[in-house]
PDB file of all heavy atoms in Angstrom:
ATOM      1  N   GLY A   1    -170.649 242.013 -32.241  1.00  0.00           N
ATOM      2  CA  GLY A   1    -170.329 242.893 -31.129  1.00  0.00           C
ATOM      3  C   GLY A   1    -168.852 243.076 -30.873  1.00  0.00           C
ATOM      4  O   GLY A   1    -168.455 243.557 -29.802  1.00  0.00           O
ATOM      5  N   VAL A   2    -168.018 242.718 -31.829  1.00  0.00           N
ATOM      6  CA  VAL A   2    -166.572 242.840 -31.673  1.00  0.00           C
ATOM      7  C   VAL A   2    -166.113 244.153 -32.282  1.00  0.00           C
ATOM      8  O   VAL A   2    -166.483 244.496 -33.417  1.00  0.00           O
ATOM      9  CB  VAL A   2    -165.843 241.658 -32.359  1.00  0.00           C
ATOM     10  CG1 VAL A   2    -164.328 241.829 -32.259  1.00  0.00           C
ATOM     11  CG2 VAL A   2    -166.271 240.340 -31.739  1.00  0.00           C
ATOM     12  N   GLY A   3    -165.289 244.911 -31.565  1.00  0.00           N
ATOM     13  CA  GLY A   3    -164.745 246.149 -32.095  1.00  0.00           C
ATOM     14  C   GLY A   3    -163.809 245.872 -33.257  1.00  0.00           C
ATOM     15  O   GLY A   3    -162.888 245.065 -33.138  1.00  0.00           O
ATOM     16  N   ALA A   4    -164.035 246.508 -34.404  1.00  0.00           N
ATOM     17  CA  ALA A   4    -163.238 246.242 -35.599  1.00  0.00           C
ATOM     18  C   ALA A   4    -163.007 247.525 -36.376  1.00  0.00           C
ATOM     19  O   ALA A   4    -163.922 248.345 -36.549  1.00  0.00           O
ATOM     20  CB  ALA A   4    -163.930 245.209 -36.483  1.00  0.00           C
ATOM     21  N   THR A   5    -161.771 247.692 -36.842  1.00  0.00           N
ATOM     22  CA  THR A   5    -161.394 248.807 -37.708  1.00  0.00           C
ATOM     23  C   THR A   5    -160.666 248.244 -38.909  1.00  0.00           C
ATOM     24  O   THR A   5    -159.882 247.297 -38.792  1.00  0.00           O
ATOM     25  CB  THR A   5    -160.476 249.794 -36.965  1.00  0.00           C
ATOM     26  OG1 THR A   5    -161.183 250.337 -35.847  1.00  0.00           O
ATOM     27  CG2 THR A   5    -160.027 250.924 -37.878  1.00  0.00           C
ATOM     28  N   VAL A   6    -160.904 248.841 -40.085  1.00  0.00           N
ATOM     29  CA  VAL A   6    -160.255 248.390 -41.305  1.00  0.00           C
ATOM     30  C   VAL A   6    -159.335 249.493 -41.828  1.00  0.00           C
ATOM     31  O   VAL A   6    -159.754 250.651 -41.978  1.00  0.00           O
ATOM     32  CB  VAL A   6    -161.282 248.016 -42.388  1.00  0.00           C
ATOM     33  CG1 VAL A   6    -160.561 247.586 -43.668  1.00  0.00           C
ATOM     34  CG2 VAL A   6    -162.194 246.903 -41.897  1.00  0.00           C
ATOM     35  N   LEU A   7    -158.084 249.121 -42.087  1.00  0.00           N
ATOM     36  CA  LEU A   7    -157.163 249.961 -42.848  1.00  0.00           C
ATOM     37  C   LEU A   7    -157.095 249.370 -44.241  1.00  0.00           C
ATOM     38  O   LEU A   7    -156.807 248.180 -44.394  1.00  0.00           O
ATOM     39  CB  LEU A   7    -155.772 249.965 -42.218  1.00  0.00           C
ATOM     40  CG  LEU A   7    -155.655 250.401 -40.755  1.00  0.00           C
ATOM     41  CD1 LEU A   7    -154.194 250.350 -40.309  1.00  0.00           C
ATOM     42  CD2 LEU A   7    -156.229 251.785 -40.549  1.00  0.00           C
ATOM     43  N   ALA A   8    -157.360 250.185 -45.271  1.00  0.00           N
ATOM     44  CA  ALA A   8    -157.522 249.617 -46.611  1.00  0.00           C
ATOM     45  C   ALA A   8    -156.777 250.416 -47.667  1.00  0.00           C
ATOM     46  O   ALA A   8    -156.644 251.646 -47.582  1.00  0.00           O
ATOM     47  CB  ALA A   8    -159.002 249.543 -46.983  1.00  0.00           C
ATOM     48  N   LEU A   9    -156.326 249.676 -48.680  1.00  0.00           N
ATOM     49  CA  LEU A   9    -155.847 250.269 -49.919  1.00  0.00           C
ATOM     50  C   LEU A   9    -157.047 250.526 -50.829  1.00  0.00           C
ATOM     51  O   LEU A   9    -158.124 249.949 -50.617  1.00  0.00           O
ATOM     52  CB  LEU A   9    -154.871 249.316 -50.611  1.00  0.00           C
ATOM     53  CG  LEU A   9    -153.555 249.022 -49.877  1.00  0.00           C
ATOM     54  CD1 LEU A   9    -152.763 247.955 -50.629  1.00  0.00           C
ATOM     55  CD2 LEU A   9    -152.735 250.302 -49.717  1.00  0.00           C
ATOM     56  N   PRO A  10    -156.909 251.363 -51.852  1.00  0.00           N
ATOM     57  CA  PRO A  10    -158.011 251.528 -52.814  1.00  0.00           C
ATOM     58  C   PRO A  10    -158.411 250.178 -53.414  1.00  0.00           C
ATOM     59  O   PRO A  10    -157.553 249.385 -53.809  1.00  0.00           O
ATOM     60  CB  PRO A  10    -157.407 252.451 -53.873  1.00  0.00           C
ATOM     61  CG  PRO A  10    -156.345 253.218 -53.143  1.00  0.00           C
ATOM     62  CD  PRO A  10    -155.769 252.249 -52.154  1.00  0.00           C
ATOM     63  N   ALA A  11    -159.704 249.898 -53.472  1.00  0.00           N
ATOM     64  CA  ALA A  11    -160.198 248.595 -53.922  1.00  0.00           C
ATOM     65  C   ALA A  11    -160.160 248.502 -55.437  1.00  0.00           C
ATOM     66  O   ALA A  11    -160.745 249.348 -56.141  1.00  0.00           O
ATOM     67  CB  ALA A  11    -161.616 248.369 -53.412  1.00  0.00           C
ATOM     68  N   ARG A  12    -159.483 247.467 -55.960  1.00  0.00           N
ATOM     69  CA  ARG A  12    -159.441 247.217 -57.408  1.00  0.00           C
ATOM     70  C   ARG A  12    -160.472 246.188 -57.832  1.00  0.00           C
ATOM     71  O   ARG A  12    -161.060 246.272 -58.905  1.00  0.00           O
ATOM     72  CB  ARG A  12    -158.048 246.701 -57.819  1.00  0.00           C
ATOM     73  CG  ARG A  12    -156.906 247.617 -57.459  1.00  0.00           C
ATOM     74  CD  ARG A  12    -155.578 247.084 -58.020  1.00  0.00           C
ATOM     75  NE  ARG A  12    -155.382 245.666 -57.750  1.00  0.00           N
ATOM     76  CZ  ARG A  12    -154.849 245.183 -56.637  1.00  0.00           C
ATOM     77  NH1 ARG A  12    -154.476 246.012 -55.669  1.00  0.00           N
ATOM     78  NH2 ARG A  12    -154.694 243.886 -56.467  1.00  0.00           N
ATOM     79  N   HIS A  13    -160.677 245.175 -57.005  1.00  0.00           N
ATOM     80  CA  HIS A  13    -161.582 244.079 -57.344  1.00  0.00           C
ATOM     81  C   HIS A  13    -163.030 244.546 -57.171  1.00  0.00           C
ATOM     82  O   HIS A  13    -163.372 245.176 -56.162  1.00  0.00           O
ATOM     83  CB  HIS A  13    -161.293 242.895 -56.429  1.00  0.00           C
ATOM     84  CG  HIS A  13    -161.890 241.598 -56.884  1.00  0.00           C
ATOM     85  ND1 HIS A  13    -163.240 241.341 -56.822  1.00  0.00           N
ATOM     86  CD2 HIS A  13    -161.309 240.481 -57.414  1.00  0.00           C
ATOM     87  CE1 HIS A  13    -163.468 240.118 -57.273  1.00  0.00           C
ATOM     88  NE2 HIS A  13    -162.315 239.587 -57.652  1.00  0.00           N
ATOM     89  N   PRO A  14    -163.927 244.254 -58.137  1.00  0.00           N
ATOM     90  CA  PRO A  14    -165.314 244.750 -58.023  1.00  0.00           C
ATOM     91  C   PRO A  14    -166.037 244.238 -56.776  1.00  0.00           C
ATOM     92  O   PRO A  14    -166.815 244.985 -56.164  1.00  0.00           O
ATOM     93  CB  PRO A  14    -165.975 244.247 -59.313  1.00  0.00           C
ATOM     94  CG  PRO A  14    -165.076 243.185 -59.854  1.00  0.00           C
ATOM     95  CD  PRO A  14    -163.708 243.544 -59.413  1.00  0.00           C
ATOM     96  N   LEU A  15    -165.788 242.994 -56.373  1.00  0.00           N
ATOM     97  CA  LEU A  15    -166.441 242.471 -55.164  1.00  0.00           C
ATOM     98  C   LEU A  15    -165.856 243.090 -53.907  1.00  0.00           C
ATOM     99  O   LEU A  15    -166.559 243.237 -52.895  1.00  0.00           O
ATOM    100  CB  LEU A  15    -166.322 240.955 -55.116  1.00  0.00           C
ATOM    101  CG  LEU A  15    -167.100 240.183 -56.174  1.00  0.00           C
ATOM    102  CD1 LEU A  15    -166.884 238.680 -56.015  1.00  0.00           C
ATOM    103  CD2 LEU A  15    -168.588 240.505 -56.101  1.00  0.00           C
ATOM    104  N   THR A  16    -164.595 243.463 -53.959  1.00  0.00           N
ATOM    105  CA  THR A  16    -163.997 244.155 -52.815  1.00  0.00           C
ATOM    106  C   THR A  16    -164.617 245.536 -52.666  1.00  0.00           C
ATOM    107  O   THR A  16    -164.925 245.982 -51.542  1.00  0.00           O
ATOM    108  CB  THR A  16    -162.467 244.248 -52.989  1.00  0.00           C
ATOM    109  OG1 THR A  16    -161.941 242.927 -53.120  1.00  0.00           O
ATOM    110  CG2 THR A  16    -161.813 244.937 -51.804  1.00  0.00           C
ATOM    111  N   ARG A  17    -164.844 246.233 -53.787  1.00  0.00           N
ATOM    112  CA  ARG A  17    -165.521 247.533 -53.721  1.00  0.00           C
ATOM    113  C   ARG A  17    -166.930 247.369 -53.154  1.00  0.00           C
ATOM    114  O   ARG A  17    -167.374 248.173 -52.326  1.00  0.00           O
ATOM    115  CB  ARG A  17    -165.570 248.167 -55.108  1.00  0.00           C
ATOM    116  CG  ARG A  17    -164.214 248.650 -55.616  1.00  0.00           C
ATOM    117  CD  ARG A  17    -164.368 249.601 -56.798  1.00  0.00           C
ATOM    118  NE  ARG A  17    -164.890 248.924 -57.972  1.00  0.00           N
ATOM    119  CZ  ARG A  17    -164.141 248.345 -58.906  1.00  0.00           C
ATOM    120  NH1 ARG A  17    -162.814 248.354 -58.786  1.00  0.00           N
ATOM    121  NH2 ARG A  17    -164.686 247.768 -59.956  1.00  0.00           N
ATOM    122  N   ARG A  18    -167.610 246.318 -53.579  1.00  0.00           N
ATOM    123  CA  ARG A  18    -168.975 246.097 -53.090  1.00  0.00           C
ATOM    124  C   ARG A  18    -168.976 245.827 -51.584  1.00  0.00           C
ATOM    125  O   ARG A  18    -169.810 246.378 -50.842  1.00  0.00           O
ATOM    126  CB  ARG A  18    -169.605 244.923 -53.834  1.00  0.00           C
ATOM    127  CG  ARG A  18    -171.039 244.622 -53.385  1.00  0.00           C
ATOM    128  CD  ARG A  18    -171.604 243.412 -54.111  1.00  0.00           C
ATOM    129  NE  ARG A  18    -171.639 243.606 -55.557  1.00  0.00           N
ATOM    130  CZ  ARG A  18    -172.033 242.667 -56.418  1.00  0.00           C
ATOM    131  NH1 ARG A  18    -172.415 241.471 -55.977  1.00  0.00           N
ATOM    132  NH2 ARG A  18    -172.042 242.914 -57.709  1.00  0.00           N
ATOM    133  N   ASN A  19    -168.040 245.002 -51.126  1.00  0.00           N
ATOM    134  CA  ASN A  19    -168.037 244.673 -49.697  1.00  0.00           C
ATOM    135  C   ASN A  19    -167.481 245.799 -48.845  1.00  0.00           C
ATOM    136  O   ASN A  19    -167.821 245.905 -47.657  1.00  0.00           O
ATOM    137  CB  ASN A  19    -167.260 243.374 -49.472  1.00  0.00           C
ATOM    138  CG  ASN A  19    -168.126 242.160 -49.747  1.00  0.00           C
ATOM    139  OD1 ASN A  19    -169.132 241.944 -49.087  1.00  0.00           O
ATOM    140  ND2 ASN A  19    -167.758 241.396 -50.772  1.00  0.00           N
ATOM    141  N   ARG A  20    -166.669 246.667 -49.430  1.00  0.00           N
ATOM    142  CA  ARG A  20    -166.283 247.886 -48.709  1.00  0.00           C
ATOM    143  C   ARG A  20    -167.511 248.758 -48.475  1.00  0.00           C
ATOM    144  O   ARG A  20    -167.693 249.334 -47.375  1.00  0.00           O
ATOM    145  CB  ARG A  20    -165.218 248.630 -49.502  1.00  0.00           C
ATOM    146  CG  ARG A  20    -164.736 249.903 -48.827  1.00  0.00           C
ATOM    147  CD  ARG A  20    -163.506 250.470 -49.515  1.00  0.00           C
ATOM    148  NE  ARG A  20    -163.057 251.701 -48.870  1.00  0.00           N
ATOM    149  CZ  ARG A  20    -161.826 252.174 -48.942  1.00  0.00           C
ATOM    150  NH1 ARG A  20    -160.901 251.523 -49.641  1.00  0.00           N
ATOM    151  NH2 ARG A  20    -161.499 253.300 -48.347  1.00  0.00           N
ATOM    152  N   ALA A  21    -168.375 248.863 -49.499  1.00  0.00           N
ATOM    153  CA  ALA A  21    -169.606 249.659 -49.351  1.00  0.00           C
ATOM    154  C   ALA A  21    -170.546 249.023 -48.324  1.00  0.00           C
ATOM    155  O   ALA A  21    -171.174 249.728 -47.522  1.00  0.00           O
ATOM    156  CB  ALA A  21    -170.301 249.787 -50.705  1.00  0.00           C
ATOM    157  N   ARG A  22    -170.637 247.704 -48.313  1.00  0.00           N
ATOM    158  CA  ARG A  22    -171.512 247.022 -47.337  1.00  0.00           C
ATOM    159  C   ARG A  22    -170.974 247.224 -45.920  1.00  0.00           C
ATOM    160  O   ARG A  22    -171.757 247.358 -44.967  1.00  0.00           O
ATOM    161  CB  ARG A  22    -171.606 245.536 -47.674  1.00  0.00           C
ATOM    162  CG  ARG A  22    -172.278 245.259 -49.005  1.00  0.00           C
ATOM    163  CD  ARG A  22    -172.342 243.767 -49.304  1.00  0.00           C
ATOM    164  NE  ARG A  22    -173.347 243.103 -48.498  1.00  0.00           N
ATOM    165  CZ  ARG A  22    -173.533 241.787 -48.455  1.00  0.00           C
ATOM    166  NH1 ARG A  22    -172.755 241.001 -49.188  1.00  0.00           N
ATOM    167  NH2 ARG A  22    -174.466 241.261 -47.707  1.00  0.00           N
ATOM    168  N   TRP A  23    -169.673 247.227 -45.771  1.00  0.00           N
ATOM    169  CA  TRP A  23    -169.058 247.490 -44.463  1.00  0.00           C
ATOM    170  C   TRP A  23    -169.393 248.914 -44.002  1.00  0.00           C
ATOM    171  O   TRP A  23    -169.767 249.137 -42.845  1.00  0.00           O
ATOM    172  CB  TRP A  23    -167.549 247.280 -44.597  1.00  0.00           C
ATOM    173  CG  TRP A  23    -166.667 247.867 -43.528  1.00  0.00           C
ATOM    174  CD1 TRP A  23    -165.733 248.839 -43.698  1.00  0.00           C
ATOM    175  CD2 TRP A  23    -166.602 247.507 -42.151  1.00  0.00           C
ATOM    176  NE1 TRP A  23    -165.091 249.114 -42.527  1.00  0.00           N
ATOM    177  CE2 TRP A  23    -165.611 248.290 -41.539  1.00  0.00           C
ATOM    178  CE3 TRP A  23    -167.301 246.601 -41.358  1.00  0.00           C
ATOM    179  CZ2 TRP A  23    -165.287 248.215 -40.202  1.00  0.00           C
ATOM    180  CZ3 TRP A  23    -166.978 246.506 -40.009  1.00  0.00           C
ATOM    181  CH2 TRP A  23    -165.988 247.301 -39.439  1.00  0.00           C
ATOM    182  N   ARG A  24    -169.317 249.860 -44.926  1.00  0.00           N
ATOM    183  CA  ARG A  24    -169.645 251.243 -44.584  1.00  0.00           C
ATOM    184  C   ARG A  24    -171.129 251.368 -44.232  1.00  0.00           C
ATOM    185  O   ARG A  24    -171.500 252.125 -43.324  1.00  0.00           O
ATOM    186  CB  ARG A  24    -169.283 252.150 -45.764  1.00  0.00           C
ATOM    187  CG  ARG A  24    -169.504 253.634 -45.476  1.00  0.00           C
ATOM    188  CD  ARG A  24    -168.941 254.525 -46.592  1.00  0.00           C
ATOM    189  NE  ARG A  24    -169.563 254.249 -47.879  1.00  0.00           N
ATOM    190  CZ  ARG A  24    -168.939 253.689 -48.913  1.00  0.00           C
ATOM    191  NH1 ARG A  24    -167.663 253.337 -48.818  1.00  0.00           N
ATOM    192  NH2 ARG A  24    -169.581 253.477 -50.049  1.00  0.00           N
ATOM    193  N   ALA A  25    -171.975 250.591 -44.917  1.00  0.00           N
ATOM    194  CA  ALA A  25    -173.421 250.691 -44.705  1.00  0.00           C
ATOM    195  C   ALA A  25    -173.845 250.250 -43.311  1.00  0.00           C
ATOM    196  O   ALA A  25    -174.886 250.701 -42.813  1.00  0.00           O
ATOM    197  CB  ALA A  25    -174.154 249.872 -45.758  1.00  0.00           C
ATOM    198  N   VAL A  26    -173.059 249.369 -42.666  1.00  0.00           N
ATOM    199  CA  VAL A  26    -173.408 248.925 -41.310  1.00  0.00           C
ATOM    200  C   VAL A  26    -172.661 249.730 -40.251  1.00  0.00           C
ATOM    201  O   VAL A  26    -172.664 249.380 -39.067  1.00  0.00           O
ATOM    202  CB  VAL A  26    -173.140 247.417 -41.116  1.00  0.00           C
ATOM    203  CG1 VAL A  26    -174.002 246.593 -42.049  1.00  0.00           C
ATOM    204  CG2 VAL A  26    -171.658 247.094 -41.301  1.00  0.00           C
ATOM    205  N   GLY A  27    -172.021 250.833 -40.681  1.00  0.00           N
ATOM    206  CA  GLY A  27    -171.353 251.716 -39.727  1.00  0.00           C
ATOM    207  C   GLY A  27    -169.886 251.445 -39.524  1.00  0.00           C
ATOM    208  O   GLY A  27    -169.277 252.004 -38.598  1.00  0.00           O
ATOM    209  N   GLY A  28    -169.301 250.620 -40.357  1.00  0.00           N
ATOM    210  CA  GLY A  28    -167.891 250.307 -40.207  1.00  0.00           C
ATOM    211  C   GLY A  28    -166.987 251.443 -40.625  1.00  0.00           C
ATOM    212  O   GLY A  28    -167.317 252.214 -41.535  1.00  0.00           O
ATOM    213  N   GLN A  29    -165.841 251.545 -39.973  1.00  0.00           N
ATOM    214  CA  GLN A  29    -164.895 252.633 -40.246  1.00  0.00           C
ATOM    215  C   GLN A  29    -163.730 252.104 -41.092  1.00  0.00           C
ATOM    216  O   GLN A  29    -163.116 251.093 -40.769  1.00  0.00           O
ATOM    217  CB  GLN A  29    -164.356 253.194 -38.932  1.00  0.00           C
ATOM    218  CG  GLN A  29    -163.411 254.375 -39.112  1.00  0.00           C
ATOM    219  CD  GLN A  29    -162.872 254.890 -37.787  1.00  0.00           C
ATOM    220  OE1 GLN A  29    -162.867 254.163 -36.799  1.00  0.00           O
ATOM    221  NE2 GLN A  29    -162.434 256.146 -37.764  1.00  0.00           N
TER     222      GLN A  29
END
């Protein structure tokens, strides 16, 4: 329930790309 925003560089690491997608899947910006 904590307000969170992510500012990100393009993801190079495969797990970072995966967790960026998981963040987007739960409504993260």
